PDB file of N, CA and C in Angstrom:
ATOM      1  N   MET A   1       0.846  -1.171   0.000  1.00  0.00           N
ATOM      2  CA  MET A   1       0.000   0.000   0.000  1.00  0.00           C
ATOM      3  C   MET A   1       0.895   1.239   0.000  1.00  0.00           C
ATOM      4  N   LYS A   2       0.547   2.187  -0.818  1.00  0.00           N
ATOM      5  CA  LYS A   2       1.339   3.414  -0.928  1.00  0.00           C
ATOM      6  C   LYS A   2       1.196   4.272   0.325  1.00  0.00           C
ATOM      7  N   ARG A   3       2.260   4.986   0.614  1.00  0.00           N
ATOM      8  CA  ARG A   3       2.292   5.872   1.777  1.00  0.00           C
ATOM      9  C   ARG A   3       1.132   6.875   1.747  1.00  0.00           C
ATOM     10  N   GLU A   4       0.860   7.445   0.586  1.00  0.00           N
ATOM     11  CA  GLU A   4      -0.210   8.443   0.470  1.00  0.00           C
ATOM     12  C   GLU A   4      -1.566   7.826   0.809  1.00  0.00           C
ATOM     13  N   THR A   5      -1.763   6.585   0.382  1.00  0.00           N
ATOM     14  CA  THR A   5      -3.014   5.887   0.667  1.00  0.00           C
ATOM     15  C   THR A   5      -3.144   5.630   2.159  1.00  0.00           C
ATOM     16  N   ILE A   6      -2.053   5.170   2.774  1.00  0.00           N
ATOM     17  CA  ILE A   6      -2.064   4.928   4.218  1.00  0.00           C
ATOM     18  C   ILE A   6      -2.360   6.218   4.965  1.00  0.00           C
ATOM     19  N   GLU A   7      -1.671   7.285   4.600  1.00  0.00           N
ATOM     20  CA  GLU A   7      -1.870   8.559   5.289  1.00  0.00           C
ATOM     21  C   GLU A   7      -3.311   9.046   5.139  1.00  0.00           C
ATOM     22  N   ALA A   8      -3.874   8.922   3.955  1.00  0.00           N
ATOM     23  CA  ALA A   8      -5.258   9.357   3.743  1.00  0.00           C
ATOM     24  C   ALA A   8      -6.225   8.547   4.605  1.00  0.00           C
ATOM     25  N   LYS A   9      -5.988   7.247   4.706  1.00  0.00           N
ATOM     26  CA  LYS A   9      -6.862   6.403   5.524  1.00  0.00           C
ATOM     27  C   LYS A   9      -6.664   6.677   7.011  1.00  0.00           C
ATOM     28  N   VAL A  10      -5.442   6.975   7.432  1.00  0.00           N
ATOM     29  CA  VAL A  10      -5.184   7.334   8.827  1.00  0.00           C
ATOM     30  C   VAL A  10      -5.914   8.632   9.158  1.00  0.00           C
ATOM     31  N   ILE A  11      -5.838   9.598   8.270  1.00  0.00           N
ATOM     32  CA  ILE A  11      -6.549  10.871   8.484  1.00  0.00           C
ATOM     33  C   ILE A  11      -8.049  10.630   8.535  1.00  0.00           C
ATOM     34  N   GLY A  12      -8.551   9.772   7.657  1.00  0.00           N
ATOM     35  CA  GLY A  12      -9.977   9.430   7.690  1.00  0.00           C
ATOM     36  C   GLY A  12     -10.383   8.811   9.015  1.00  0.00           C
ATOM     37  N   ALA A  13      -9.547   7.912   9.532  1.00  0.00           N
ATOM     38  CA  ALA A  13      -9.825   7.285  10.829  1.00  0.00           C
ATOM     39  C   ALA A  13      -9.800   8.328  11.939  1.00  0.00           C
ATOM     40  N   LEU A  14      -8.872   9.248  11.850  1.00  0.00           N
ATOM     41  CA  LEU A  14      -8.774  10.312  12.847  1.00  0.00           C
ATOM     42  C   LEU A  14      -9.998  11.224  12.777  1.00  0.00           C
ATOM     43  N   GLN A  15     -10.453  11.521  11.573  1.00  0.00           N
ATOM     44  CA  GLN A  15     -11.632  12.371  11.410  1.00  0.00           C
ATOM     45  C   GLN A  15     -12.910  11.668  11.863  1.00  0.00           C
ATOM     46  N   ASP A  16     -12.911  10.332  11.852  1.00  0.00           N
ATOM     47  CA  ASP A  16     -14.055   9.608  12.405  1.00  0.00           C
ATOM     48  C   ASP A  16     -14.182   9.875  13.903  1.00  0.00           C
ATOM     49  N   ILE A  17     -13.046  10.065  14.562  1.00  0.00           N
ATOM     50  CA  ILE A  17     -13.019  10.309  16.002  1.00  0.00           C
ATOM     51  C   ILE A  17     -13.153  11.807  16.306  1.00  0.00           C
ATOM     52  N   ALA A  18     -12.512  12.626  15.486  1.00  0.00           N
ATOM     53  CA  ALA A  18     -12.520  14.084  15.688  1.00  0.00           C
ATOM     54  C   ALA A  18     -12.861  14.751  14.355  1.00  0.00           C
ATOM     55  N   PRO A  19     -14.141  14.789  14.001  1.00  0.00           N
ATOM     56  CA  PRO A  19     -14.549  15.279  12.675  1.00  0.00           C
ATOM     57  C   PRO A  19     -14.199  16.739  12.395  1.00  0.00           C
ATOM     58  N   GLU A  20     -13.871  17.487  13.422  1.00  0.00           N
ATOM     59  CA  GLU A  20     -13.575  18.908  13.224  1.00  0.00           C
ATOM     60  C   GLU A  20     -12.184  19.166  12.653  1.00  0.00           C
ATOM     61  N   ILE A  21     -11.334  18.156  12.607  1.00  0.00           N
ATOM     62  CA  ILE A  21      -9.973  18.401  12.125  1.00  0.00           C
ATOM     63  C   ILE A  21      -9.931  18.512  10.610  1.00  0.00           C
ATOM     64  N   GLU A  22      -8.984  19.288  10.146  1.00  0.00           N
ATOM     65  CA  GLU A  22      -8.738  19.465   8.717  1.00  0.00           C
ATOM     66  C   GLU A  22      -7.402  18.812   8.394  1.00  0.00           C
ATOM     67  N   ASP A  23      -7.364  17.965   7.382  1.00  0.00           N
ATOM     68  CA  ASP A  23      -6.129  17.230   7.094  1.00  0.00           C
ATOM     69  C   ASP A  23      -4.969  18.144   6.724  1.00  0.00           C
ATOM     70  N   GLU A  24      -5.252  19.276   6.108  1.00  0.00           N
ATOM     71  CA  GLU A  24      -4.162  20.178   5.729  1.00  0.00           C
ATOM     72  C   GLU A  24      -3.545  20.884   6.939  1.00  0.00           C
ATOM     73  N   GLU A  25      -4.225  20.826   8.074  1.00  0.00           N
ATOM     74  CA  GLU A  25      -3.699  21.438   9.298  1.00  0.00           C
ATOM     75  C   GLU A  25      -2.774  20.499  10.064  1.00  0.00           C
ATOM     76  N   LEU A  26      -2.753  19.223   9.696  1.00  0.00           N
ATOM     77  CA  LEU A  26      -1.959  18.245  10.432  1.00  0.00           C
ATOM     78  C   LEU A  26      -0.499  18.267   9.999  1.00  0.00           C
ATOM     79  N   SER A  27       0.371  18.252  10.978  1.00  0.00           N
ATOM     80  CA  SER A  27       1.804  18.189  10.722  1.00  0.00           C
ATOM     81  C   SER A  27       2.249  16.746  10.960  1.00  0.00           C
ATOM     82  N   SER A  28       3.156  16.264  10.134  1.00  0.00           N
ATOM     83  CA  SER A  28       3.574  14.867  10.247  1.00  0.00           C
ATOM     84  C   SER A  28       4.519  14.610  11.406  1.00  0.00           C
ATOM     85  N   ASP A  29       5.109  15.662  11.985  1.00  0.00           N
ATOM     86  CA  ASP A  29       6.119  15.456  13.021  1.00  0.00           C
ATOM     87  C   ASP A  29       5.768  16.066  14.382  1.00  0.00           C
ATOM     88  N   VAL A  30       4.510  16.439  14.567  1.00  0.00           N
ATOM     89  CA  VAL A  30       4.039  16.974  15.847  1.00  0.00           C
ATOM     90  C   VAL A  30       3.086  15.930  16.436  1.00  0.00           C
ATOM     91  N   PRO A  31       3.171  15.673  17.749  1.00  0.00           N
ATOM     92  CA  PRO A  31       2.273  14.672  18.335  1.00  0.00           C
ATOM     93  C   PRO A  31       0.810  14.903  17.954  1.00  0.00           C
ATOM     94  N   LEU A  32       0.181  13.844  17.450  1.00  0.00           N
ATOM     95  CA  LEU A  32      -1.203  13.947  16.997  1.00  0.00           C
ATOM     96  C   LEU A  32      -2.147  14.358  18.130  1.00  0.00           C
ATOM     97  N   ARG A  33      -1.936  13.792  19.300  1.00  0.00           N
ATOM     98  CA  ARG A  33      -2.834  14.116  20.414  1.00  0.00           C
ATOM     99  C   ARG A  33      -2.782  15.594  20.756  1.00  0.00           C
ATOM    100  N   ASP A  34      -1.628  16.223  20.578  1.00  0.00           N
ATOM    101  CA  ASP A  34      -1.514  17.660  20.816  1.00  0.00           C
ATOM    102  C   ASP A  34      -2.202  18.460  19.708  1.00  0.00           C
ATOM    103  N   GLN A  35      -2.087  17.981  18.488  1.00  0.00           N
ATOM    104  CA  GLN A  35      -2.651  18.713  17.350  1.00  0.00           C
ATOM    105  C   GLN A  35      -4.170  18.717  17.356  1.00  0.00           C
ATOM    106  N   VAL A  36      -4.763  17.617  17.763  1.00  0.00           N
ATOM    107  CA  VAL A  36      -6.224  17.515  17.688  1.00  0.00           C
ATOM    108  C   VAL A  36      -6.880  17.381  19.052  1.00  0.00           C
ATOM    109  N   ASP A  37      -6.089  17.554  20.119  1.00  0.00           N
ATOM    110  CA  ASP A  37      -6.601  17.584  21.481  1.00  0.00           C
ATOM    111  C   ASP A  37      -7.439  16.346  21.803  1.00  0.00           C
ATOM    112  N   LEU A  38      -6.844  15.168  21.595  1.00  0.00           N
ATOM    113  CA  LEU A  38      -7.529  13.920  21.898  1.00  0.00           C
ATOM    114  C   LEU A  38      -7.244  13.502  23.333  1.00  0.00           C
ATOM    115  N   ASP A  39      -8.301  13.102  24.045  1.00  0.00           N
ATOM    116  CA  ASP A  39      -8.072  12.544  25.370  1.00  0.00           C
ATOM    117  C   ASP A  39      -7.740  11.055  25.224  1.00  0.00           C
ATOM    118  N   SER A  40      -7.500  10.393  26.322  1.00  0.00           N
ATOM    119  CA  SER A  40      -7.071   8.993  26.286  1.00  0.00           C
ATOM    120  C   SER A  40      -8.103   8.091  25.615  1.00  0.00           C
ATOM    121  N   MET A  41      -9.368   8.324  25.886  1.00  0.00           N
ATOM    122  CA  MET A  41     -10.417   7.490  25.285  1.00  0.00           C
ATOM    123  C   MET A  41     -10.514   7.735  23.777  1.00  0.00           C
ATOM    124  N   ASP A  42     -10.409   8.983  23.361  1.00  0.00           N
ATOM    125  CA  ASP A  42     -10.409   9.278  21.927  1.00  0.00           C
ATOM    126  C   ASP A  42      -9.227   8.603  21.244  1.00  0.00           C
ATOM    127  N   TRP A  43      -8.066   8.658  21.887  1.00  0.00           N
ATOM    128  CA  TRP A  43      -6.868   8.049  21.308  1.00  0.00           C
ATOM    129  C   TRP A  43      -7.063   6.540  21.169  1.00  0.00           C
ATOM    130  N   LEU A  44      -7.610   5.906  22.184  1.00  0.00           N
ATOM    131  CA  LEU A  44      -7.869   4.473  22.116  1.00  0.00           C
ATOM    132  C   LEU A  44      -8.873   4.165  21.007  1.00  0.00           C
ATOM    133  N   ASN A  45      -9.909   4.971  20.884  1.00  0.00           N
ATOM    134  CA  ASN A  45     -10.889   4.782  19.807  1.00  0.00           C
ATOM    135  C   ASN A  45     -10.239   4.947  18.436  1.00  0.00           C
ATOM    136  N   PHE A  46      -9.299   5.867  18.327  1.00  0.00           N
ATOM    137  CA  PHE A  46      -8.558   6.053  17.073  1.00  0.00           C
ATOM    138  C   PHE A  46      -7.752   4.802  16.737  1.00  0.00           C
ATOM    139  N   LEU A  47      -7.066   4.244  17.728  1.00  0.00           N
ATOM    140  CA  LEU A  47      -6.269   3.042  17.491  1.00  0.00           C
ATOM    141  C   LEU A  47      -7.155   1.854  17.116  1.00  0.00           C
ATOM    142  N   VAL A  48      -8.322   1.750  17.744  1.00  0.00           N
ATOM    143  CA  VAL A  48      -9.275   0.700  17.392  1.00  0.00           C
ATOM    144  C   VAL A  48      -9.768   0.913  15.959  1.00  0.00           C
ATOM    145  N   ARG A  49      -9.990   2.153  15.600  1.00  0.00           N
ATOM    146  CA  ARG A  49     -10.434   2.481  14.230  1.00  0.00           C
ATOM    147  C   ARG A  49      -9.355   2.112  13.219  1.00  0.00           C
ATOM    148  N   LEU A  50      -8.081   2.357  13.558  1.00  0.00           N
ATOM    149  CA  LEU A  50      -6.991   1.959  12.663  1.00  0.00           C
ATOM    150  C   LEU A  50      -7.010   0.454  12.442  1.00  0.00           C
ATOM    151  N   HIS A  51      -7.275  -0.300  13.493  1.00  0.00           N
ATOM    152  CA  HIS A  51      -7.369  -1.759  13.356  1.00  0.00           C
ATOM    153  C   HIS A  51      -8.497  -2.124  12.390  1.00  0.00           C
ATOM    154  N   ALA A  52      -9.629  -1.457  12.534  1.00  0.00           N
ATOM    155  CA  ALA A  52     -10.771  -1.741  11.666  1.00  0.00           C
ATOM    156  C   ALA A  52     -10.473  -1.401  10.205  1.00  0.00           C
ATOM    157  N   VAL A  53      -9.791  -0.298   9.983  1.00  0.00           N
ATOM    158  CA  VAL A  53      -9.501   0.157   8.619  1.00  0.00           C
ATOM    159  C   VAL A  53      -8.422  -0.681   7.948  1.00  0.00           C
ATOM    160  N   PHE A  54      -7.363  -0.984   8.689  1.00  0.00           N
ATOM    161  CA  PHE A  54      -6.202  -1.645   8.094  1.00  0.00           C
ATOM    162  C   PHE A  54      -6.093  -3.126   8.432  1.00  0.00           C
ATOM    163  N   GLY A  55      -6.848  -3.594   9.424  1.00  0.00           N
ATOM    164  CA  GLY A  55      -6.725  -4.987   9.842  1.00  0.00           C
ATOM    165  C   GLY A  55      -5.408  -5.275  10.537  1.00  0.00           C
ATOM    166  N   VAL A  56      -4.810  -4.245  11.103  1.00  0.00           N
ATOM    167  CA  VAL A  56      -3.522  -4.370  11.785  1.00  0.00           C
ATOM    168  C   VAL A  56      -3.764  -4.397  13.288  1.00  0.00           C
ATOM    169  N   ASP A  57      -3.270  -5.455  13.935  1.00  0.00           N
ATOM    170  CA  ASP A  57      -3.335  -5.492  15.393  1.00  0.00           C
ATOM    171  C   ASP A  57      -2.270  -4.566  15.955  1.00  0.00           C
ATOM    172  N   ILE A  58      -2.668  -3.721  16.877  1.00  0.00           N
ATOM    173  CA  ILE A  58      -1.726  -2.808  17.526  1.00  0.00           C
ATOM    174  C   ILE A  58      -1.705  -3.173  19.007  1.00  0.00           C
ATOM    175  N   PRO A  59      -0.686  -3.935  19.428  1.00  0.00           N
ATOM    176  CA  PRO A  59      -0.616  -4.305  20.840  1.00  0.00           C
ATOM    177  C   PRO A  59      -0.407  -3.079  21.731  1.00  0.00           C
ATOM    178  N   GLU A  60      -0.923  -3.171  22.932  1.00  0.00           N
ATOM    179  CA  GLU A  60      -0.810  -2.051  23.869  1.00  0.00           C
ATOM    180  C   GLU A  60       0.643  -1.640  24.078  1.00  0.00           C
ATOM    181  N   ALA A  61       1.560  -2.589  23.979  1.00  0.00           N
ATOM    182  CA  ALA A  61       2.984  -2.288  24.153  1.00  0.00           C
ATOM    183  C   ALA A  61       3.498  -1.318  23.084  1.00  0.00           C
ATOM    184  N   ASP A  62       2.821  -1.243  21.940  1.00  0.00           N
ATOM    185  CA  ASP A  62       3.241  -0.361  20.844  1.00  0.00           C
ATOM    186  C   ASP A  62       2.590   1.016  20.894  1.00  0.00           C
ATOM    187  N   TYR A  63       1.604   1.216  21.748  1.00  0.00           N
ATOM    188  CA  TYR A  63       0.884   2.489  21.789  1.00  0.00           C
ATOM    189  C   TYR A  63       1.823   3.675  21.953  1.00  0.00           C
ATOM    190  N   ALA A  64       2.815   3.547  22.811  1.00  0.00           N
ATOM    191  CA  ALA A  64       3.716   4.666  23.101  1.00  0.00           C
ATOM    192  C   ALA A  64       4.581   5.050  21.906  1.00  0.00           C
ATOM    193  N   THR A  65       4.722   4.159  20.929  1.00  0.00           N
ATOM    194  CA  THR A  65       5.539   4.472  19.756  1.00  0.00           C
ATOM    195  C   THR A  65       4.745   5.252  18.706  1.00  0.00           C
ATOM    196  N   LEU A  66       3.442   5.301  18.856  1.00  0.00           N
ATOM    197  CA  LEU A  66       2.572   5.964  17.880  1.00  0.00           C
ATOM    198  C   LEU A  66       2.237   7.364  18.373  1.00  0.00           C
ATOM    199  N   VAL A  67       3.115   8.285  18.058  1.00  0.00           N
ATOM    200  CA  VAL A  67       2.967   9.647  18.570  1.00  0.00           C
ATOM    201  C   VAL A  67       2.580  10.617  17.459  1.00  0.00           C
ATOM    202  N   THR A  68       3.337  10.616  16.380  1.00  0.00           N
ATOM    203  CA  THR A  68       3.109  11.554  15.278  1.00  0.00           C
ATOM    204  C   THR A  68       2.431  10.847  14.106  1.00  0.00           C
ATOM    205  N   MET A  69       1.964  11.617  13.159  1.00  0.00           N
ATOM    206  CA  MET A  69       1.395  11.043  11.940  1.00  0.00           C
ATOM    207  C   MET A  69       2.433  10.155  11.258  1.00  0.00           C
ATOM    208  N   GLU A  70       3.665  10.622  11.223  1.00  0.00           N
ATOM    209  CA  GLU A  70       4.759   9.858  10.622  1.00  0.00           C
ATOM    210  C   GLU A  70       4.913   8.499  11.310  1.00  0.00           C
ATOM    211  N   ASP A  71       4.864   8.490  12.639  1.00  0.00           N
ATOM    212  CA  ASP A  71       4.966   7.241  13.395  1.00  0.00           C
ATOM    213  C   ASP A  71       3.844   6.276  13.017  1.00  0.00           C
ATOM    214  N   VAL A  72       2.628   6.787  12.959  1.00  0.00           N
ATOM    215  CA  VAL A  72       1.467   5.951  12.666  1.00  0.00           C
ATOM    216  C   VAL A  72       1.559   5.392  11.243  1.00  0.00           C
ATOM    217  N   VAL A  73       1.897   6.242  10.283  1.00  0.00           N
ATOM    218  CA  VAL A  73       1.998   5.804   8.890  1.00  0.00           C
ATOM    219  C   VAL A  73       3.088   4.740   8.731  1.00  0.00           C
ATOM    220  N   LYS A  74       4.235   4.966   9.337  1.00  0.00           N
ATOM    221  CA  LYS A  74       5.320   3.974   9.258  1.00  0.00           C
ATOM    222  C   LYS A  74       4.930   2.658   9.914  1.00  0.00           C
ATOM    223  N   TYR A  75       4.263   2.737  11.042  1.00  0.00           N
ATOM    224  CA  TYR A  75       3.831   1.529  11.740  1.00  0.00           C
ATOM    225  C   TYR A  75       2.867   0.729  10.875  1.00  0.00           C
ATOM    226  N   ILE A  76       1.862   1.398  10.350  1.00  0.00           N
ATOM    227  CA  ILE A  76       0.888   0.731   9.497  1.00  0.00           C
ATOM    228  C   ILE A  76       1.569   0.138   8.270  1.00  0.00           C
ATOM    229  N   ALA A  77       2.442   0.912   7.637  1.00  0.00           N
ATOM    230  CA  ALA A  77       3.144   0.420   6.432  1.00  0.00           C
ATOM    231  C   ALA A  77       3.961  -0.823   6.738  1.00  0.00           C
ATOM    232  N   SER A  78       4.587  -0.858   7.897  1.00  0.00           N
ATOM    233  CA  SER A  78       5.432  -2.008   8.223  1.00  0.00           C
ATOM    234  C   SER A  78       4.627  -3.222   8.702  1.00  0.00           C
ATOM    235  N   HIS A  79       3.342  -3.041   8.970  1.00  0.00           N
ATOM    236  CA  HIS A  79       2.528  -4.147   9.469  1.00  0.00           C
ATOM    237  C   HIS A  79       1.417  -4.570   8.497  1.00  0.00           C
ATOM    238  N   THR A  80       1.386  -3.980   7.320  1.00  0.00           N
ATOM    239  CA  THR A  80       0.424  -4.418   6.303  1.00  0.00           C
ATOM    240  C   THR A  80       1.176  -5.151   5.209  1.00  0.00           C
ATOM    241  N   HIS A  81       0.495  -6.068   4.585  1.00  0.00           N
ATOM    242  CA  HIS A  81       1.157  -6.885   3.569  1.00  0.00           C
ATOM    243  C   HIS A  81       0.431  -6.840   2.238  1.00  0.00           C
ATOM    244  N   THR A  82      -0.218  -5.709   1.961  1.00  0.00           N
ATOM    245  CA  THR A  82      -0.932  -5.593   0.695  1.00  0.00           C
ATOM    246  C   THR A  82      -0.226  -4.655  -0.239  1.00  0.00           C
TER     247      THR A  82
END
């Protein structure tokens, strides 16, 4: 899967949780939770949504590595096989 496709789907999943965000406002290297003001439950719902969209299991041990958009896109890219 192409990086652009992954990023678009990640943004879509994020907008499912926080519909007020604009994708052009997101920076790839700033913590996502800071950019869109997600609380812990929203963040967990976002990670569950990523699983639904990509079919990628994200173990709780990996949550701390998923901070920026770049982190999330790289993680998804390295765990999908399509």
